Amino acid sequence: MRRLLAASAVALAALLTTAAGAPGSSPLSPSTRIICVDVAGNTKPVVCMASASRIDGRDDICLCEIGQRVEAPVCGPDERPQAETRAFERARRDASRDGSLVGDLFDERPMCVAPRNG
């Protein structure tokens, strides 16, 4: 019985660790989203498949028909996405070459995107 209890506790801890995802992330409000960035730095439409659940706000699969698939951080409650200027588009193009905008800044502000339902 003790072994079963110990194994259950270990399995529960592992499940909670993997379900946590990124720091500050929850299924209701994920910390990153996928965007498509073309060669000029413009964003293009992204096609995402998501669950029909109102509880789980994560996207399952996202594809880009035009441009590169890039992971971008979601703006916080007191943040807004950057204005789409030519200088910002050039900076986004250069920053997205590694496939992620997480941690990248423009004018000392993060290159974040609006939440999916916001």
N, C-alpha and C. Protein backbone atom coordinates (compact mmCIF):
# COMPACT_ATOMS: atom_id res chain seq x y z
N MET A 1 0.82 -1.20 0.00
CA MET A 1 0.00 0.00 0.00
C MET A 1 0.86 1.26 0.00
N ARG A 2 1.96 1.22 0.76
CA ARG A 2 2.85 2.38 0.80
C ARG A 2 3.46 2.64 -0.57
N ARG A 3 3.81 1.55 -1.26
CA ARG A 3 4.41 1.72 -2.59
C ARG A 3 3.42 2.38 -3.55
N LEU A 4 2.19 1.96 -3.48
CA LEU A 4 1.16 2.53 -4.34
C LEU A 4 0.96 4.02 -4.03
N LEU A 5 0.95 4.36 -2.76
CA LEU A 5 0.80 5.75 -2.35
C LEU A 5 2.00 6.59 -2.79
N ALA A 6 3.19 6.05 -2.62
CA ALA A 6 4.41 6.77 -3.04
C ALA A 6 4.44 6.94 -4.55
N ALA A 7 4.08 5.89 -5.29
CA ALA A 7 4.07 5.97 -6.75
C ALA A 7 3.03 6.98 -7.22
N SER A 8 1.88 7.02 -6.57
CA SER A 8 0.84 7.99 -6.92
C SER A 8 1.31 9.41 -6.66
N ALA A 9 2.00 9.63 -5.55
CA ALA A 9 2.51 10.97 -5.23
C ALA A 9 3.55 11.42 -6.25
N VAL A 10 4.44 10.51 -6.66
CA VAL A 10 5.46 10.84 -7.66
C VAL A 10 4.79 11.14 -9.00
N ALA A 11 3.81 10.34 -9.39
CA ALA A 11 3.12 10.56 -10.66
C ALA A 11 2.37 11.89 -10.65
N LEU A 12 1.75 12.22 -9.55
CA LEU A 12 1.03 13.50 -9.44
C LEU A 12 2.00 14.68 -9.52
N ALA A 13 3.14 14.57 -8.86
CA ALA A 13 4.14 15.64 -8.92
C ALA A 13 4.66 15.82 -10.34
N ALA A 14 4.90 14.72 -11.05
CA ALA A 14 5.37 14.80 -12.43
C ALA A 14 4.32 15.43 -13.32
N LEU A 15 3.06 15.07 -13.12
CA LEU A 15 1.97 15.64 -13.91
C LEU A 15 1.85 17.14 -13.69
N LEU A 16 1.92 17.57 -12.45
CA LEU A 16 1.82 19.00 -12.15
C LEU A 16 3.00 19.77 -12.70
N THR A 17 4.19 19.18 -12.69
CA THR A 17 5.38 19.84 -13.22
C THR A 17 5.27 20.04 -14.72
N THR A 18 4.83 19.01 -15.46
CA THR A 18 4.73 19.14 -16.91
C THR A 18 3.55 20.00 -17.31
N ALA A 19 2.49 20.03 -16.52
CA ALA A 19 1.32 20.83 -16.86
C ALA A 19 1.56 22.31 -16.63
N ALA A 20 2.55 22.63 -15.81
CA ALA A 20 2.80 24.04 -15.49
C ALA A 20 3.27 24.82 -16.70
N GLY A 21 4.07 24.19 -17.59
CA GLY A 21 4.54 24.86 -18.79
C GLY A 21 5.51 25.98 -18.45
N ALA A 22 5.40 27.10 -19.18
CA ALA A 22 6.29 28.23 -18.98
C ALA A 22 5.92 28.97 -17.71
N PRO A 23 6.91 29.65 -17.10
CA PRO A 23 6.59 30.42 -15.90
C PRO A 23 5.54 31.49 -16.21
N GLY A 24 4.56 31.61 -15.34
CA GLY A 24 3.51 32.61 -15.54
C GLY A 24 2.48 32.20 -16.57
N SER A 25 2.55 30.96 -17.02
CA SER A 25 1.64 30.48 -18.03
C SER A 25 0.58 29.59 -17.41
N SER A 26 -0.61 29.65 -17.94
CA SER A 26 -1.67 28.74 -17.53
C SER A 26 -2.45 28.38 -18.77
N PRO A 27 -3.21 27.28 -18.74
CA PRO A 27 -4.01 26.94 -19.92
C PRO A 27 -5.00 28.03 -20.30
N LEU A 28 -5.47 28.78 -19.32
CA LEU A 28 -6.44 29.84 -19.59
C LEU A 28 -5.79 31.03 -20.29
N SER A 29 -4.55 31.35 -19.92
CA SER A 29 -3.84 32.47 -20.55
C SER A 29 -2.39 32.08 -20.80
N PRO A 30 -2.10 31.48 -21.97
CA PRO A 30 -0.73 31.08 -22.29
C PRO A 30 0.20 32.28 -22.37
N SER A 31 1.50 32.04 -22.11
CA SER A 31 2.47 33.14 -22.10
C SER A 31 3.06 33.42 -23.48
N THR A 32 2.85 32.53 -24.46
CA THR A 32 3.36 32.76 -25.82
C THR A 32 2.28 32.40 -26.84
N ARG A 33 2.43 32.97 -28.03
CA ARG A 33 1.58 32.66 -29.18
C ARG A 33 2.45 32.51 -30.40
N ILE A 34 1.92 31.89 -31.42
CA ILE A 34 2.63 31.75 -32.69
C ILE A 34 2.14 32.83 -33.64
N ILE A 35 3.09 33.50 -34.31
CA ILE A 35 2.76 34.47 -35.35
C ILE A 35 3.55 34.10 -36.60
N CYS A 36 3.16 34.65 -37.74
CA CYS A 36 3.88 34.45 -38.99
C CYS A 36 4.52 35.77 -39.39
N VAL A 37 5.81 35.74 -39.69
CA VAL A 37 6.55 36.95 -40.06
C VAL A 37 7.14 36.73 -41.45
N ASP A 38 6.85 37.64 -42.39
CA ASP A 38 7.40 37.49 -43.74
C ASP A 38 8.80 38.08 -43.82
N VAL A 39 9.40 38.06 -45.01
CA VAL A 39 10.79 38.49 -45.18
C VAL A 39 10.99 39.98 -44.93
N ALA A 40 9.92 40.77 -44.96
CA ALA A 40 10.03 42.20 -44.69
C ALA A 40 9.77 42.54 -43.23
N GLY A 41 9.36 41.55 -42.43
CA GLY A 41 9.07 41.80 -41.02
C GLY A 41 7.60 42.04 -40.73
N ASN A 42 6.75 41.97 -41.74
CA ASN A 42 5.31 42.13 -41.55
C ASN A 42 4.70 40.84 -41.00
N THR A 43 3.63 40.98 -40.23
CA THR A 43 2.93 39.77 -39.77
C THR A 43 1.91 39.37 -40.82
N LYS A 44 1.77 38.09 -40.99
CA LYS A 44 0.81 37.50 -41.93
C LYS A 44 -0.15 36.62 -41.14
N PRO A 45 -1.28 36.27 -41.72
CA PRO A 45 -2.25 35.44 -41.00
C PRO A 45 -1.67 34.07 -40.63
N VAL A 46 -2.00 33.64 -39.45
CA VAL A 46 -1.59 32.32 -38.97
C VAL A 46 -2.84 31.46 -38.84
N VAL A 47 -2.72 30.19 -39.20
CA VAL A 47 -3.83 29.26 -39.10
C VAL A 47 -3.55 28.34 -37.92
N CYS A 48 -4.36 28.46 -36.86
CA CYS A 48 -4.15 27.66 -35.65
C CYS A 48 -5.36 26.77 -35.40
N MET A 49 -5.07 25.56 -34.99
CA MET A 49 -6.10 24.63 -34.54
C MET A 49 -6.08 24.66 -33.02
N ALA A 50 -7.22 24.87 -32.41
CA ALA A 50 -7.31 24.94 -30.95
C ALA A 50 -8.49 24.11 -30.49
N SER A 51 -8.46 23.74 -29.23
CA SER A 51 -9.58 22.98 -28.68
C SER A 51 -10.78 23.90 -28.54
N ALA A 52 -11.95 23.31 -28.46
CA ALA A 52 -13.18 24.08 -28.33
C ALA A 52 -13.44 24.50 -26.89
N SER A 53 -12.53 24.18 -26.00
CA SER A 53 -12.70 24.46 -24.59
C SER A 53 -12.50 25.94 -24.30
N ARG A 54 -13.33 26.49 -23.44
CA ARG A 54 -13.12 27.87 -22.98
C ARG A 54 -12.08 27.91 -21.89
N ILE A 55 -11.79 26.77 -21.29
CA ILE A 55 -10.83 26.70 -20.20
C ILE A 55 -9.41 26.67 -20.73
N ASP A 56 -9.17 25.91 -21.79
CA ASP A 56 -7.82 25.75 -22.34
C ASP A 56 -7.65 26.72 -23.49
N GLY A 57 -6.88 27.81 -23.29
CA GLY A 57 -6.69 28.83 -24.31
C GLY A 57 -5.48 28.61 -25.20
N ARG A 58 -4.82 27.47 -25.07
CA ARG A 58 -3.62 27.20 -25.87
C ARG A 58 -4.00 26.74 -27.27
N ASP A 59 -3.13 27.04 -28.23
CA ASP A 59 -3.29 26.55 -29.60
C ASP A 59 -2.59 25.20 -29.70
N ASP A 60 -3.21 24.26 -30.43
CA ASP A 60 -2.60 22.95 -30.59
C ASP A 60 -1.54 22.96 -31.68
N ILE A 61 -1.92 23.37 -32.88
CA ILE A 61 -1.01 23.39 -34.03
C ILE A 61 -1.22 24.71 -34.76
N CYS A 62 -0.13 25.40 -35.10
CA CYS A 62 -0.22 26.64 -35.87
C CYS A 62 0.66 26.52 -37.10
N LEU A 63 0.11 26.91 -38.25
CA LEU A 63 0.83 26.83 -39.52
C LEU A 63 0.85 28.19 -40.20
N CYS A 64 1.92 28.45 -40.93
CA CYS A 64 2.05 29.69 -41.69
C CYS A 64 2.07 29.35 -43.17
N GLU A 65 1.11 29.88 -43.93
CA GLU A 65 1.13 29.69 -45.37
C GLU A 65 2.15 30.64 -46.00
N ILE A 66 2.29 31.83 -45.43
CA ILE A 66 3.25 32.82 -45.90
C ILE A 66 4.11 33.23 -44.71
N GLY A 67 5.41 33.23 -44.88
CA GLY A 67 6.29 33.70 -43.82
C GLY A 67 6.78 32.60 -42.91
N GLN A 68 7.58 33.01 -41.94
CA GLN A 68 8.21 32.11 -40.98
C GLN A 68 7.37 32.01 -39.72
N ARG A 69 7.29 30.82 -39.16
CA ARG A 69 6.56 30.56 -37.91
C ARG A 69 7.45 31.03 -36.76
N VAL A 70 6.93 31.96 -35.94
CA VAL A 70 7.72 32.58 -34.87
C VAL A 70 6.92 32.54 -33.57
N GLU A 71 7.59 32.19 -32.48
CA GLU A 71 6.97 32.22 -31.16
C GLU A 71 7.14 33.63 -30.58
N ALA A 72 6.05 34.22 -30.11
CA ALA A 72 6.09 35.58 -29.56
C ALA A 72 5.45 35.61 -28.18
N PRO A 73 6.00 36.43 -27.27
CA PRO A 73 5.39 36.51 -25.93
C PRO A 73 4.07 37.27 -25.98
N VAL A 74 3.16 36.89 -25.11
CA VAL A 74 1.87 37.57 -24.99
C VAL A 74 2.07 38.77 -24.06
N CYS A 75 1.49 39.92 -24.42
CA CYS A 75 1.62 41.12 -23.61
C CYS A 75 0.96 40.92 -22.25
N GLY A 76 1.57 41.50 -21.24
CA GLY A 76 1.03 41.44 -19.88
C GLY A 76 -0.17 42.35 -19.73
N PRO A 77 -0.75 42.37 -18.55
CA PRO A 77 -1.96 43.18 -18.32
C PRO A 77 -1.75 44.68 -18.54
N ASP A 78 -0.56 45.19 -18.27
CA ASP A 78 -0.31 46.63 -18.42
C ASP A 78 0.50 46.94 -19.67
N GLU A 79 0.64 45.98 -20.58
CA GLU A 79 1.43 46.17 -21.80
C GLU A 79 0.52 46.18 -23.02
N ARG A 80 0.98 46.85 -24.06
CA ARG A 80 0.30 46.85 -25.35
C ARG A 80 1.30 46.45 -26.41
N PRO A 81 0.85 45.85 -27.50
CA PRO A 81 1.77 45.53 -28.60
C PRO A 81 2.37 46.81 -29.18
N GLN A 82 3.56 46.67 -29.73
CA GLN A 82 4.24 47.81 -30.36
C GLN A 82 3.45 48.31 -31.56
N ALA A 83 3.59 49.58 -31.88
CA ALA A 83 2.98 50.15 -33.08
C ALA A 83 3.71 49.58 -34.30
N GLU A 84 2.95 49.31 -35.36
CA GLU A 84 3.52 48.71 -36.57
C GLU A 84 4.20 49.79 -37.43
N THR A 85 5.41 50.16 -37.07
CA THR A 85 6.19 51.12 -37.85
C THR A 85 7.21 50.36 -38.69
N ARG A 86 7.78 51.03 -39.66
CA ARG A 86 8.79 50.39 -40.51
C ARG A 86 10.01 49.98 -39.70
N ALA A 87 10.43 50.80 -38.74
CA ALA A 87 11.58 50.47 -37.89
C ALA A 87 11.29 49.23 -37.04
N PHE A 88 10.06 49.14 -36.52
CA PHE A 88 9.69 47.97 -35.73
C PHE A 88 9.67 46.71 -36.60
N GLU A 89 9.15 46.82 -37.82
CA GLU A 89 9.10 45.66 -38.72
C GLU A 89 10.49 45.16 -39.04
N ARG A 90 11.45 46.07 -39.27
CA ARG A 90 12.84 45.66 -39.52
C ARG A 90 13.44 44.97 -38.30
N ALA A 91 13.18 45.52 -37.12
CA ALA A 91 13.69 44.92 -35.89
C ALA A 91 13.05 43.55 -35.64
N ARG A 92 11.76 43.43 -35.92
CA ARG A 92 11.08 42.14 -35.74
C ARG A 92 11.62 41.11 -36.73
N ARG A 93 11.88 41.54 -37.97
CA ARG A 93 12.46 40.64 -38.98
C ARG A 93 13.79 40.10 -38.51
N ASP A 94 14.66 40.98 -38.01
CA ASP A 94 15.98 40.56 -37.56
C ASP A 94 15.91 39.69 -36.31
N ALA A 95 15.01 40.04 -35.39
CA ALA A 95 14.90 39.28 -34.13
C ALA A 95 14.25 37.92 -34.35
N SER A 96 13.42 37.78 -35.37
CA SER A 96 12.68 36.52 -35.57
C SER A 96 13.48 35.48 -36.33
N ARG A 97 14.69 35.78 -36.70
CA ARG A 97 15.48 34.81 -37.47
C ARG A 97 15.76 33.52 -36.70
N ASP A 98 15.75 33.61 -35.36
CA ASP A 98 15.97 32.40 -34.56
C ASP A 98 14.67 31.67 -34.23
N GLY A 99 13.53 32.17 -34.74
CA GLY A 99 12.25 31.51 -34.54
C GLY A 99 11.51 31.94 -33.28
N SER A 100 12.03 32.94 -32.58
CA SER A 100 11.38 33.38 -31.35
C SER A 100 11.61 34.86 -31.12
N LEU A 101 10.59 35.52 -30.57
CA LEU A 101 10.70 36.92 -30.15
C LEU A 101 10.74 37.03 -28.62
N VAL A 102 10.74 35.90 -27.95
CA VAL A 102 10.75 35.88 -26.48
C VAL A 102 12.07 36.48 -26.00
N GLY A 103 11.99 37.51 -25.20
CA GLY A 103 13.18 38.17 -24.66
C GLY A 103 13.73 39.28 -25.54
N ASP A 104 13.18 39.47 -26.74
CA ASP A 104 13.66 40.53 -27.64
C ASP A 104 12.94 41.84 -27.35
N LEU A 105 13.69 42.94 -27.45
CA LEU A 105 13.16 44.27 -27.13
C LEU A 105 13.25 45.19 -28.34
N PHE A 106 12.34 46.17 -28.39
CA PHE A 106 12.40 47.26 -29.35
C PHE A 106 12.05 48.52 -28.59
N ASP A 107 12.89 49.52 -28.64
CA ASP A 107 12.74 50.75 -27.85
C ASP A 107 12.52 50.44 -26.37
N GLU A 108 13.29 49.49 -25.87
CA GLU A 108 13.28 49.09 -24.45
C GLU A 108 11.93 48.52 -24.01
N ARG A 109 11.12 48.03 -24.95
CA ARG A 109 9.85 47.36 -24.65
C ARG A 109 9.86 46.00 -25.30
N PRO A 110 9.23 45.00 -24.69
CA PRO A 110 9.20 43.67 -25.30
C PRO A 110 8.39 43.66 -26.59
N MET A 111 8.78 42.79 -27.51
CA MET A 111 8.05 42.60 -28.77
C MET A 111 6.93 41.60 -28.52
N CYS A 112 5.88 42.06 -27.83
CA CYS A 112 4.79 41.15 -27.44
C CYS A 112 3.61 41.27 -28.40
N VAL A 113 2.72 40.28 -28.32
CA VAL A 113 1.50 40.26 -29.13
C VAL A 113 0.29 40.23 -28.20
N ALA A 114 -0.85 40.61 -28.72
CA ALA A 114 -2.10 40.60 -27.94
C ALA A 114 -2.51 39.16 -27.64
N PRO A 115 -3.20 38.95 -26.54
CA PRO A 115 -3.71 37.60 -26.24
C PRO A 115 -4.68 37.14 -27.33
N ARG A 116 -4.87 35.83 -27.43
CA ARG A 116 -5.71 35.27 -28.50
C ARG A 116 -7.15 35.78 -28.41
N ASN A 117 -7.71 35.87 -27.24
CA ASN A 117 -9.10 36.30 -27.10
C ASN A 117 -9.22 37.77 -26.68
N GLY A 118 -8.17 38.55 -26.95
CA GLY A 118 -8.21 39.92 -26.48
C GLY A 118 -8.13 40.95 -27.52
